[in-house]
Amino acid sequence: MKHQISDLYQMQSLPLDMKIRMTESRIRGWYEHYGGEIYCSFSGGKDSVVLREIIKNTPGCI
């Protein structure tokens, strides 16, 4: 799905809890689509740390 720049601005303005729920939904979708065979690259940077925590806290994905 290709997003327009206006979509990006709209998503950036969402509250943090909604962004997290959207991320969890995508993670679950990938997890189910690939039968649990997904991996998360971890560099130790702030983005990787946040994504790892969201994955760890997403029900049904670990």
N, C-alpha and C. Protein backbone atom coordinates (compact mmCIF):
# COMPACT_ATOMS: atom_id res chain seq x y z
N MET A 1 0.83 -1.18 0.00
CA MET A 1 0.00 0.00 0.00
C MET A 1 0.88 1.24 0.00
N LYS A 2 0.72 2.07 -0.99
CA LYS A 2 1.52 3.29 -1.09
C LYS A 2 0.77 4.44 -0.42
N HIS A 3 1.48 5.16 0.41
CA HIS A 3 0.89 6.29 1.12
C HIS A 3 1.25 7.60 0.43
N GLN A 4 0.37 8.55 0.55
CA GLN A 4 0.61 9.91 0.06
C GLN A 4 1.22 10.72 1.20
N ILE A 5 1.85 11.84 0.87
CA ILE A 5 2.47 12.68 1.89
C ILE A 5 1.43 13.15 2.91
N SER A 6 0.21 13.38 2.46
CA SER A 6 -0.84 13.80 3.40
C SER A 6 -1.15 12.70 4.41
N ASP A 7 -1.03 11.42 3.98
CA ASP A 7 -1.23 10.30 4.90
C ASP A 7 -0.16 10.32 5.99
N LEU A 8 1.07 10.61 5.61
CA LEU A 8 2.17 10.68 6.57
C LEU A 8 1.91 11.76 7.61
N TYR A 9 1.51 12.93 7.16
CA TYR A 9 1.23 14.01 8.11
C TYR A 9 0.11 13.63 9.06
N GLN A 10 -0.91 12.97 8.53
CA GLN A 10 -2.04 12.56 9.37
C GLN A 10 -1.59 11.53 10.40
N MET A 11 -0.78 10.55 9.97
CA MET A 11 -0.30 9.52 10.90
C MET A 11 0.62 10.11 11.96
N GLN A 12 1.45 11.08 11.58
CA GLN A 12 2.35 11.71 12.54
C GLN A 12 1.59 12.45 13.62
N SER A 13 0.40 12.94 13.31
CA SER A 13 -0.36 13.72 14.28
C SER A 13 -1.18 12.86 15.24
N LEU A 14 -1.19 11.54 15.03
CA LEU A 14 -1.97 10.65 15.90
C LEU A 14 -1.36 10.60 17.30
N PRO A 15 -2.18 10.31 18.31
CA PRO A 15 -1.65 10.13 19.67
C PRO A 15 -0.74 8.90 19.74
N LEU A 16 0.20 8.91 20.65
CA LEU A 16 1.17 7.83 20.77
C LEU A 16 0.52 6.46 20.96
N ASP A 17 -0.51 6.36 21.80
CA ASP A 17 -1.13 5.06 22.03
C ASP A 17 -1.75 4.50 20.76
N MET A 18 -2.27 5.35 19.89
CA MET A 18 -2.83 4.88 18.63
C MET A 18 -1.71 4.41 17.69
N LYS A 19 -0.58 5.11 17.68
CA LYS A 19 0.55 4.70 16.85
C LYS A 19 1.04 3.32 17.30
N ILE A 20 1.09 3.11 18.61
CA ILE A 20 1.53 1.81 19.14
C ILE A 20 0.56 0.72 18.74
N ARG A 21 -0.75 0.97 18.85
CA ARG A 21 -1.75 -0.03 18.45
C ARG A 21 -1.65 -0.37 16.97
N MET A 22 -1.40 0.64 16.13
CA MET A 22 -1.23 0.39 14.70
C MET A 22 0.00 -0.47 14.44
N THR A 23 1.08 -0.19 15.17
CA THR A 23 2.30 -0.96 15.02
C THR A 23 2.08 -2.40 15.46
N GLU A 24 1.41 -2.59 16.59
CA GLU A 24 1.10 -3.94 17.06
C GLU A 24 0.26 -4.71 16.04
N SER A 25 -0.68 -4.03 15.43
CA SER A 25 -1.53 -4.66 14.42
C SER A 25 -0.71 -5.12 13.23
N ARG A 26 0.22 -4.30 12.78
CA ARG A 26 1.10 -4.69 11.66
C ARG A 26 1.98 -5.87 12.04
N ILE A 27 2.52 -5.84 13.25
CA ILE A 27 3.38 -6.93 13.72
C ILE A 27 2.59 -8.23 13.74
N ARG A 28 1.38 -8.20 14.30
CA ARG A 28 0.54 -9.41 14.32
C ARG A 28 0.24 -9.90 12.91
N GLY A 29 -0.05 -8.97 12.00
CA GLY A 29 -0.33 -9.34 10.62
C GLY A 29 0.85 -10.03 9.96
N TRP A 30 2.06 -9.49 10.14
CA TRP A 30 3.25 -10.12 9.58
C TRP A 30 3.49 -11.48 10.23
N TYR A 31 3.32 -11.52 11.55
CA TYR A 31 3.54 -12.76 12.29
C TYR A 31 2.62 -13.87 11.77
N GLU A 32 1.36 -13.54 11.60
CA GLU A 32 0.39 -14.53 11.11
C GLU A 32 0.66 -14.89 9.66
N HIS A 33 0.97 -13.91 8.83
CA HIS A 33 1.21 -14.17 7.41
C HIS A 33 2.40 -15.10 7.19
N TYR A 34 3.45 -14.91 7.98
CA TYR A 34 4.67 -15.71 7.81
C TYR A 34 4.75 -16.87 8.80
N GLY A 35 3.64 -17.21 9.44
CA GLY A 35 3.60 -18.36 10.34
C GLY A 35 4.58 -18.26 11.50
N GLY A 36 4.81 -17.07 12.00
CA GLY A 36 5.69 -16.88 13.14
C GLY A 36 7.17 -16.78 12.77
N GLU A 37 7.48 -16.92 11.50
CA GLU A 37 8.88 -16.87 11.04
C GLU A 37 9.26 -15.44 10.68
N ILE A 38 9.29 -14.57 11.67
CA ILE A 38 9.72 -13.20 11.45
C ILE A 38 10.85 -12.87 12.42
N TYR A 39 11.65 -11.90 12.04
CA TYR A 39 12.79 -11.51 12.85
C TYR A 39 12.84 -10.00 12.92
N CYS A 40 13.43 -9.49 13.99
CA CYS A 40 13.60 -8.05 14.16
C CYS A 40 15.10 -7.77 14.25
N SER A 41 15.59 -6.97 13.34
CA SER A 41 16.99 -6.55 13.39
C SER A 41 17.14 -5.55 14.54
N PHE A 42 18.16 -5.72 15.36
CA PHE A 42 18.34 -4.88 16.54
C PHE A 42 19.74 -4.27 16.54
N SER A 43 19.79 -2.93 16.44
CA SER A 43 21.09 -2.24 16.42
C SER A 43 21.47 -1.69 17.79
N GLY A 44 20.48 -1.61 18.69
CA GLY A 44 20.75 -1.02 20.00
C GLY A 44 20.40 0.46 20.05
N GLY A 45 20.02 1.02 18.91
CA GLY A 45 19.61 2.42 18.86
C GLY A 45 18.21 2.60 19.43
N LYS A 46 17.80 3.83 19.59
CA LYS A 46 16.51 4.11 20.22
C LYS A 46 15.34 3.52 19.45
N ASP A 47 15.38 3.55 18.12
CA ASP A 47 14.27 2.98 17.34
C ASP A 47 14.19 1.48 17.53
N SER A 48 15.33 0.80 17.53
CA SER A 48 15.35 -0.64 17.74
C SER A 48 14.85 -1.02 19.12
N VAL A 49 15.24 -0.25 20.12
CA VAL A 49 14.81 -0.52 21.49
C VAL A 49 13.29 -0.40 21.60
N VAL A 50 12.73 0.65 21.02
CA VAL A 50 11.29 0.85 21.07
C VAL A 50 10.57 -0.27 20.33
N LEU A 51 11.02 -0.61 19.12
CA LEU A 51 10.37 -1.67 18.36
C LEU A 51 10.45 -3.01 19.09
N ARG A 52 11.60 -3.30 19.69
CA ARG A 52 11.74 -4.56 20.45
C ARG A 52 10.74 -4.61 21.60
N GLU A 53 10.56 -3.51 22.31
CA GLU A 53 9.60 -3.48 23.41
C GLU A 53 8.17 -3.66 22.92
N ILE A 54 7.85 -3.02 21.80
CA ILE A 54 6.50 -3.18 21.26
C ILE A 54 6.27 -4.64 20.87
N ILE A 55 7.25 -5.26 20.23
CA ILE A 55 7.13 -6.67 19.84
C ILE A 55 6.96 -7.54 21.07
N LYS A 56 7.79 -7.32 22.10
CA LYS A 56 7.70 -8.12 23.32
C LYS A 56 6.34 -8.00 23.99
N ASN A 57 5.70 -6.84 23.84
CA ASN A 57 4.42 -6.59 24.50
C ASN A 57 3.21 -6.83 23.59
N THR A 58 3.44 -7.33 22.38
CA THR A 58 2.33 -7.60 21.47
C THR A 58 1.83 -9.01 21.73
N PRO A 59 0.59 -9.13 22.21
CA PRO A 59 0.03 -10.46 22.53
C PRO A 59 0.02 -11.37 21.30
N GLY A 60 0.42 -12.62 21.53
CA GLY A 60 0.35 -13.63 20.49
C GLY A 60 1.52 -13.65 19.53
N CYS A 61 2.57 -12.90 19.81
CA CYS A 61 3.69 -12.84 18.86
C CYS A 61 5.00 -13.36 19.43
N ILE A 62 4.98 -13.89 20.63
CA ILE A 62 6.23 -14.46 21.16
C ILE A 62 5.91 -15.75 21.86
